[in-house]
Amino acid sequence: MKETELQTCLRSMGEQNDPPLPNPGLIWFRAELQRRLAAEERAVRPVRIVERLACAACLLAAVVIAAVKF
């Protein structure tokens, strides 16, 4: 490749319109929000499991009571 062709190629690459980078504060905010939501999900997971087990136990008890009553 000749030097003039190389210069032309480099110039055209430099003139390309790349999208602007996002605001660093916005990137930090989104990362922090994602971290907090993940921590909240980990903290609430045991409570949700117990809620589901309680609902299943109540449903089972209602079925047993209905079967014994009739």
N, C-alpha and C. Protein backbone atom coordinates (compact mmCIF):
# COMPACT_ATOMS: atom_id res chain seq x y z
N MET A 1 0.85 -1.17 0.00
CA MET A 1 0.00 0.00 0.00
C MET A 1 0.90 1.24 0.00
N LYS A 2 0.56 2.16 -0.83
CA LYS A 2 1.36 3.37 -0.91
C LYS A 2 1.05 4.28 0.26
N GLU A 3 1.99 5.16 0.50
CA GLU A 3 1.84 6.08 1.63
C GLU A 3 0.64 6.99 1.46
N THR A 4 0.38 7.45 0.26
CA THR A 4 -0.78 8.34 0.04
C THR A 4 -2.09 7.59 0.26
N GLU A 5 -2.12 6.32 -0.14
CA GLU A 5 -3.33 5.52 0.10
C GLU A 5 -3.54 5.31 1.59
N LEU A 6 -2.46 5.10 2.30
CA LEU A 6 -2.54 4.92 3.74
C LEU A 6 -3.04 6.19 4.41
N GLN A 7 -2.53 7.33 4.02
CA GLN A 7 -2.97 8.59 4.59
C GLN A 7 -4.45 8.82 4.30
N THR A 8 -4.88 8.53 3.09
CA THR A 8 -6.29 8.69 2.73
C THR A 8 -7.17 7.77 3.57
N CYS A 9 -6.72 6.56 3.75
CA CYS A 9 -7.47 5.60 4.55
C CYS A 9 -7.56 6.05 6.01
N LEU A 10 -6.44 6.50 6.56
CA LEU A 10 -6.43 6.97 7.95
C LEU A 10 -7.31 8.21 8.12
N ARG A 11 -7.28 9.11 7.16
CA ARG A 11 -8.12 10.31 7.22
C ARG A 11 -9.60 9.93 7.21
N SER A 12 -9.96 8.99 6.34
CA SER A 12 -11.37 8.60 6.26
C SER A 12 -11.81 7.90 7.54
N MET A 13 -10.91 7.14 8.15
CA MET A 13 -11.25 6.50 9.42
C MET A 13 -11.43 7.54 10.52
N GLY A 14 -10.64 8.58 10.50
CA GLY A 14 -10.75 9.64 11.49
C GLY A 14 -11.99 10.49 11.32
N GLU A 15 -12.53 10.53 10.13
CA GLU A 15 -13.71 11.34 9.87
C GLU A 15 -15.01 10.61 10.17
N GLN A 16 -14.94 9.34 10.48
CA GLN A 16 -16.16 8.59 10.77
C GLN A 16 -16.83 9.17 12.01
N ASN A 17 -18.14 9.18 11.98
CA ASN A 17 -18.91 9.74 13.10
C ASN A 17 -19.29 8.62 14.06
N ASP A 18 -18.49 8.46 15.07
CA ASP A 18 -18.81 7.48 16.10
C ASP A 18 -19.82 8.11 17.06
N PRO A 19 -20.72 7.30 17.61
CA PRO A 19 -21.68 7.87 18.56
C PRO A 19 -20.94 8.36 19.81
N PRO A 20 -21.43 9.42 20.43
CA PRO A 20 -20.75 9.94 21.61
C PRO A 20 -20.85 8.94 22.77
N LEU A 21 -19.86 8.96 23.61
CA LEU A 21 -19.86 8.09 24.78
C LEU A 21 -20.91 8.57 25.78
N PRO A 22 -21.57 7.65 26.50
CA PRO A 22 -22.56 8.08 27.48
C PRO A 22 -21.89 8.78 28.66
N ASN A 23 -22.69 9.52 29.37
CA ASN A 23 -22.22 10.26 30.54
C ASN A 23 -21.70 9.26 31.59
N PRO A 24 -20.49 9.46 32.13
CA PRO A 24 -19.96 8.53 33.14
C PRO A 24 -20.84 8.47 34.39
N GLY A 25 -21.45 9.57 34.74
CA GLY A 25 -22.35 9.57 35.89
C GLY A 25 -23.55 8.67 35.68
N LEU A 26 -24.06 8.65 34.46
CA LEU A 26 -25.19 7.79 34.12
C LEU A 26 -24.78 6.32 34.17
N ILE A 27 -23.59 6.02 33.68
CA ILE A 27 -23.09 4.65 33.74
C ILE A 27 -22.96 4.21 35.19
N TRP A 28 -22.41 5.06 36.04
CA TRP A 28 -22.25 4.73 37.46
C TRP A 28 -23.61 4.54 38.10
N PHE A 29 -24.57 5.44 37.80
CA PHE A 29 -25.91 5.35 38.38
C PHE A 29 -26.57 4.03 38.02
N ARG A 30 -26.49 3.63 36.75
CA ARG A 30 -27.11 2.37 36.33
C ARG A 30 -26.45 1.17 36.98
N ALA A 31 -25.12 1.20 37.10
CA ALA A 31 -24.41 0.10 37.75
C ALA A 31 -24.79 0.01 39.22
N GLU A 32 -24.89 1.16 39.89
CA GLU A 32 -25.28 1.19 41.30
C GLU A 32 -26.71 0.69 41.47
N LEU A 33 -27.60 1.09 40.60
CA LEU A 33 -29.00 0.65 40.64
C LEU A 33 -29.08 -0.86 40.45
N GLN A 34 -28.32 -1.38 39.50
CA GLN A 34 -28.30 -2.83 39.25
C GLN A 34 -27.76 -3.57 40.47
N ARG A 35 -26.73 -3.03 41.09
CA ARG A 35 -26.16 -3.67 42.29
C ARG A 35 -27.17 -3.69 43.42
N ARG A 36 -27.87 -2.58 43.63
CA ARG A 36 -28.87 -2.51 44.71
C ARG A 36 -30.04 -3.45 44.46
N LEU A 37 -30.50 -3.52 43.21
CA LEU A 37 -31.61 -4.41 42.90
C LEU A 37 -31.22 -5.88 43.09
N ALA A 38 -29.99 -6.22 42.75
CA ALA A 38 -29.51 -7.59 42.95
C ALA A 38 -29.43 -7.91 44.44
N ALA A 39 -28.96 -6.97 45.24
CA ALA A 39 -28.87 -7.17 46.69
C ALA A 39 -30.27 -7.32 47.29
N GLU A 40 -31.20 -6.52 46.82
CA GLU A 40 -32.58 -6.61 47.31
C GLU A 40 -33.19 -7.97 46.96
N GLU A 41 -32.94 -8.43 45.75
CA GLU A 41 -33.47 -9.72 45.32
C GLU A 41 -32.91 -10.85 46.19
N ARG A 42 -31.62 -10.79 46.51
CA ARG A 42 -31.01 -11.81 47.37
C ARG A 42 -31.61 -11.76 48.77
N ALA A 43 -31.90 -10.57 49.28
CA ALA A 43 -32.43 -10.43 50.63
C ALA A 43 -33.88 -10.90 50.72
N VAL A 44 -34.65 -10.73 49.67
CA VAL A 44 -36.08 -11.04 49.69
C VAL A 44 -36.36 -12.49 49.30
N ARG A 45 -35.42 -13.15 48.67
CA ARG A 45 -35.63 -14.51 48.17
C ARG A 45 -36.14 -15.48 49.24
N PRO A 46 -35.56 -15.54 50.45
CA PRO A 46 -36.08 -16.48 51.46
C PRO A 46 -37.52 -16.18 51.87
N VAL A 47 -37.87 -14.91 51.94
CA VAL A 47 -39.24 -14.54 52.31
C VAL A 47 -40.21 -15.02 51.24
N ARG A 48 -39.87 -14.88 50.00
CA ARG A 48 -40.75 -15.34 48.91
C ARG A 48 -40.90 -16.86 48.93
N ILE A 49 -39.85 -17.56 49.24
CA ILE A 49 -39.93 -19.03 49.32
C ILE A 49 -40.89 -19.43 50.43
N VAL A 50 -40.77 -18.81 51.59
CA VAL A 50 -41.65 -19.13 52.72
C VAL A 50 -43.09 -18.76 52.38
N GLU A 51 -43.31 -17.64 51.71
CA GLU A 51 -44.67 -17.27 51.31
C GLU A 51 -45.29 -18.34 50.41
N ARG A 52 -44.52 -18.83 49.46
CA ARG A 52 -45.04 -19.87 48.55
C ARG A 52 -45.33 -21.16 49.31
N LEU A 53 -44.46 -21.53 50.23
CA LEU A 53 -44.71 -22.72 51.03
C LEU A 53 -45.95 -22.56 51.89
N ALA A 54 -46.15 -21.36 52.46
CA ALA A 54 -47.34 -21.11 53.27
C ALA A 54 -48.61 -21.18 52.42
N CYS A 55 -48.57 -20.64 51.22
CA CYS A 55 -49.73 -20.72 50.33
C CYS A 55 -50.03 -22.17 49.97
N ALA A 56 -49.01 -22.95 49.70
CA ALA A 56 -49.21 -24.36 49.37
C ALA A 56 -49.78 -25.12 50.56
N ALA A 57 -49.28 -24.83 51.76
CA ALA A 57 -49.79 -25.50 52.96
C ALA A 57 -51.25 -25.14 53.22
N CYS A 58 -51.60 -23.88 53.02
CA CYS A 58 -52.99 -23.46 53.20
C CYS A 58 -53.90 -24.12 52.18
N LEU A 59 -53.46 -24.20 50.96
CA LEU A 59 -54.25 -24.85 49.91
C LEU A 59 -54.43 -26.33 50.23
N LEU A 60 -53.37 -26.98 50.65
CA LEU A 60 -53.45 -28.39 51.02
C LEU A 60 -54.40 -28.58 52.21
N ALA A 61 -54.30 -27.71 53.20
CA ALA A 61 -55.20 -27.79 54.36
C ALA A 61 -56.65 -27.58 53.94
N ALA A 62 -56.90 -26.65 53.04
CA ALA A 62 -58.27 -26.41 52.57
C ALA A 62 -58.80 -27.63 51.83
N VAL A 63 -57.98 -28.27 51.04
CA VAL A 63 -58.40 -29.48 50.31
C VAL A 63 -58.70 -30.61 51.28
N VAL A 64 -57.84 -30.79 52.28
CA VAL A 64 -58.06 -31.85 53.28
C VAL A 64 -59.32 -31.58 54.06
N ILE A 65 -59.55 -30.37 54.50
CA ILE A 65 -60.75 -30.01 55.27
C ILE A 65 -62.00 -30.23 54.40
N ALA A 66 -61.94 -29.82 53.16
CA ALA A 66 -63.09 -30.01 52.27
C ALA A 66 -63.36 -31.49 52.03
N ALA A 67 -62.33 -32.31 51.93
CA ALA A 67 -62.50 -33.74 51.70
C ALA A 67 -63.07 -34.43 52.93
N VAL A 68 -62.65 -34.02 54.10
CA VAL A 68 -63.14 -34.64 55.36
C VAL A 68 -64.57 -34.19 55.63
N LYS A 69 -64.89 -32.97 55.33
CA LYS A 69 -66.21 -32.40 55.62
C LYS A 69 -67.29 -33.02 54.73
N PHE A 70 -66.97 -33.34 53.49
CA PHE A 70 -67.98 -33.86 52.56
C PHE A 70 -67.82 -35.32 52.48
